[in-house]
C-alpha atoms as a PDB file:
ATOM      1  CA  UNK A   1       0.933 -12.812 -16.180  1.00  0.00           C
ATOM      2  CA  UNK A   2      -0.875 -10.146 -16.178  1.00  0.00           C
ATOM      3  CA  UNK A   3      -0.382  -7.045 -13.683  1.00  0.00           C
ATOM      4  CA  UNK A   4      -2.055  -5.705 -10.815  1.00  0.00           C
ATOM      5  CA  UNK A   5      -4.501  -2.818 -12.098  1.00  0.00           C
ATOM      6  CA  UNK A   6      -3.752   0.786 -10.461  1.00  0.00           C
ATOM      7  CA  UNK A   7      -7.712  -0.480  -9.283  1.00  0.00           C
ATOM      8  CA  UNK A   8      -6.370  -3.507  -8.011  1.00  0.00           C
ATOM      9  CA  UNK A   9      -3.478  -1.952  -5.582  1.00  0.00           C
ATOM     10  CA  UNK A  10      -5.726   0.552  -4.391  1.00  0.00           C
ATOM     11  CA  UNK A  11      -8.122  -1.793  -3.462  1.00  0.00           C
ATOM     12  CA  UNK A  12      -5.060  -4.295  -1.415  1.00  0.00           C
ATOM     13  CA  UNK A  13      -4.038  -0.038  -0.131  1.00  0.00           C
ATOM     14  CA  UNK A  14      -7.212   0.738   1.023  1.00  0.00           C
ATOM     15  CA  UNK A  15      -8.429  -3.149   2.851  1.00  0.00           C
ATOM     16  CA  UNK A  16      -4.463  -2.959   4.906  1.00  0.00           C
ATOM     17  CA  UNK A  17      -5.834   0.627   5.264  1.00  0.00           C
ATOM     18  CA  UNK A  18      -8.695  -0.403   7.652  1.00  0.00           C
ATOM     19  CA  UNK A  19      -6.444  -3.062   9.654  1.00  0.00           C
ATOM     20  CA  UNK A  20      -4.941  -0.136  10.912  1.00  0.00           C
ATOM     21  CA  UNK A  21      -6.509   3.170  10.594  1.00  0.00           C
ATOM     22  CA  UNK A  22     -10.075   4.907  10.059  1.00  0.00           C
ATOM     23  CA  UNK A  23     -10.032   6.898   7.609  1.00  0.00           C
ATOM     24  CA  UNK A  24     -13.510   6.537   5.884  1.00  0.00           C
ATOM     25  CA  UNK A  25     -14.030   8.732   2.087  1.00  0.00           C
ATOM     26  CA  UNK A  26     -11.867   8.481  -0.806  1.00  0.00           C
ATOM     27  CA  UNK A  27      -8.281   7.671   0.770  1.00  0.00           C
ATOM     28  CA  UNK A  28      -6.404   8.616  -2.376  1.00  0.00           C
ATOM     29  CA  UNK A  29      -5.620  12.208  -0.649  1.00  0.00           C
ATOM     30  CA  UNK A  30      -4.798  10.295   2.539  1.00  0.00           C
ATOM     31  CA  UNK A  31      -1.465  11.309   3.711  1.00  0.00           C
ATOM     32  CA  UNK A  32       1.153   8.860   4.989  1.00  0.00           C
ATOM     33  CA  UNK A  33       2.569  10.955   7.612  1.00  0.00           C
ATOM     34  CA  UNK A  34      -0.965  10.996   9.478  1.00  0.00           C
ATOM     35  CA  UNK A  35      -0.675   7.454  10.396  1.00  0.00           C
ATOM     36  CA  UNK A  36       2.609   6.903  13.385  1.00  0.00           C
ATOM     37  CA  UNK A  37       5.327   5.006  12.620  1.00  0.00           C
ATOM     38  CA  UNK A  38       3.908   2.313  14.398  1.00  0.00           C
ATOM     39  CA  UNK A  39       1.083   2.326  12.421  1.00  0.00           C
ATOM     40  CA  UNK A  40       3.436   2.558   9.839  1.00  0.00           C
ATOM     41  CA  UNK A  41       5.230  -0.315   9.995  1.00  0.00           C
ATOM     42  CA  UNK A  42       1.408  -2.564  10.729  1.00  0.00           C
ATOM     43  CA  UNK A  43       0.553  -1.169   7.764  1.00  0.00           C
ATOM     44  CA  UNK A  44       3.657  -2.202   5.573  1.00  0.00           C
ATOM     45  CA  UNK A  45       3.028  -5.499   6.907  1.00  0.00           C
ATOM     46  CA  UNK A  46      -0.561  -5.936   5.720  1.00  0.00           C
ATOM     47  CA  UNK A  47       0.542  -4.648   2.200  1.00  0.00           C
ATOM     48  CA  UNK A  48       3.012  -7.549   2.129  1.00  0.00           C
ATOM     49  CA  UNK A  49       0.280  -9.880   3.016  1.00  0.00           C
ATOM     50  CA  UNK A  50      -2.418  -8.671   1.444  1.00  0.00           C
ATOM     51  CA  UNK A  51       0.690  -8.786  -2.147  1.00  0.00           C
ATOM     52  CA  UNK A  52       1.054 -11.781  -0.943  1.00  0.00           C
ATOM     53  CA  UNK A  53      -2.489 -13.280  -1.127  1.00  0.00           C
ATOM     54  CA  UNK A  54      -1.936 -12.743  -4.517  1.00  0.00           C
ATOM     55  CA  UNK A  55       1.016 -13.837  -5.287  1.00  0.00           C
ATOM     56  CA  UNK A  56       2.347 -10.126  -5.755  1.00  0.00           C
ATOM     57  CA  UNK A  57       6.100  -8.540  -4.174  1.00  0.00           C
ATOM     58  CA  UNK A  58       7.095  -5.059  -3.874  1.00  0.00           C
ATOM     59  CA  UNK A  59      10.122  -3.902  -2.495  1.00  0.00           C
ATOM     60  CA  UNK A  60       8.903  -0.770   0.513  1.00  0.00           C
ATOM     61  CA  UNK A  61      11.330   0.257   3.392  1.00  0.00           C
ATOM     62  CA  UNK A  62       9.799   2.849   5.562  1.00  0.00           C
ATOM     63  CA  UNK A  63      11.313   5.875   3.780  1.00  0.00           C
ATOM     64  CA  UNK A  64       9.634   4.670   1.077  1.00  0.00           C
ATOM     65  CA  UNK A  65       6.504   4.583   2.349  1.00  0.00           C
ATOM     66  CA  UNK A  66       6.772   8.202   3.860  1.00  0.00           C
ATOM     67  CA  UNK A  67       8.583   8.933   0.200  1.00  0.00           C
ATOM     68  CA  UNK A  68       5.068   8.575  -1.251  1.00  0.00           C
ATOM     69  CA  UNK A  69       3.727  11.115   0.799  1.00  0.00           C
ATOM     70  CA  UNK A  70      -0.511  10.188  -0.034  1.00  0.00           C
ATOM     71  CA  UNK A  71      -1.716   7.256  -0.652  1.00  0.00           C
ATOM     72  CA  UNK A  72      -2.372   7.918  -4.723  1.00  0.00           C
ATOM     73  CA  UNK A  73       1.748   8.131  -4.733  1.00  0.00           C
ATOM     74  CA  UNK A  74       1.966   5.400  -2.847  1.00  0.00           C
ATOM     75  CA  UNK A  75      -0.676   3.251  -5.120  1.00  0.00           C
ATOM     76  CA  UNK A  76       1.130   4.655  -7.782  1.00  0.00           C
ATOM     77  CA  UNK A  77       4.199   3.514  -6.910  1.00  0.00           C
ATOM     78  CA  UNK A  78       3.382  -0.241  -6.594  1.00  0.00           C
ATOM     79  CA  UNK A  79       1.695  -0.329  -9.321  1.00  0.00           C
ATOM     80  CA  UNK A  80       5.076   0.872 -11.128  1.00  0.00           C
ATOM     81  CA  UNK A  81       7.415  -1.807  -8.566  1.00  0.00           C
ATOM     82  CA  UNK A  82       4.807  -4.447  -8.189  1.00  0.00           C
ATOM     83  CA  UNK A  83       6.961  -8.192  -8.608  1.00  0.00           C
ATOM     84  CA  UNK A  84       5.746 -11.370  -9.730  1.00  0.00           C
ATOM     85  CA  UNK A  85       6.532 -14.323  -6.699  1.00  0.00           C
ATOM     86  CA  UNK A  86       5.557 -16.875  -8.937  1.00  0.00           C
END
């Protein structure tokens, strides 16, 4: 089984983020702290849903999400820590 590439992970993040915030442009510099706590929770749920649709998952907590600081950090974290659901 092959893993999701960084670009594929970024696509997942963009799709999930669009459901909770209107960021426009490139999301890599977008700071996670700009989302309210409630939006961060929904964002994590959307990430899990979209990764699951591709047969992947990642361990994610609110603290882990906030620790990523920016979307670049989140993309890198997911790329490095993704797991196959198979």
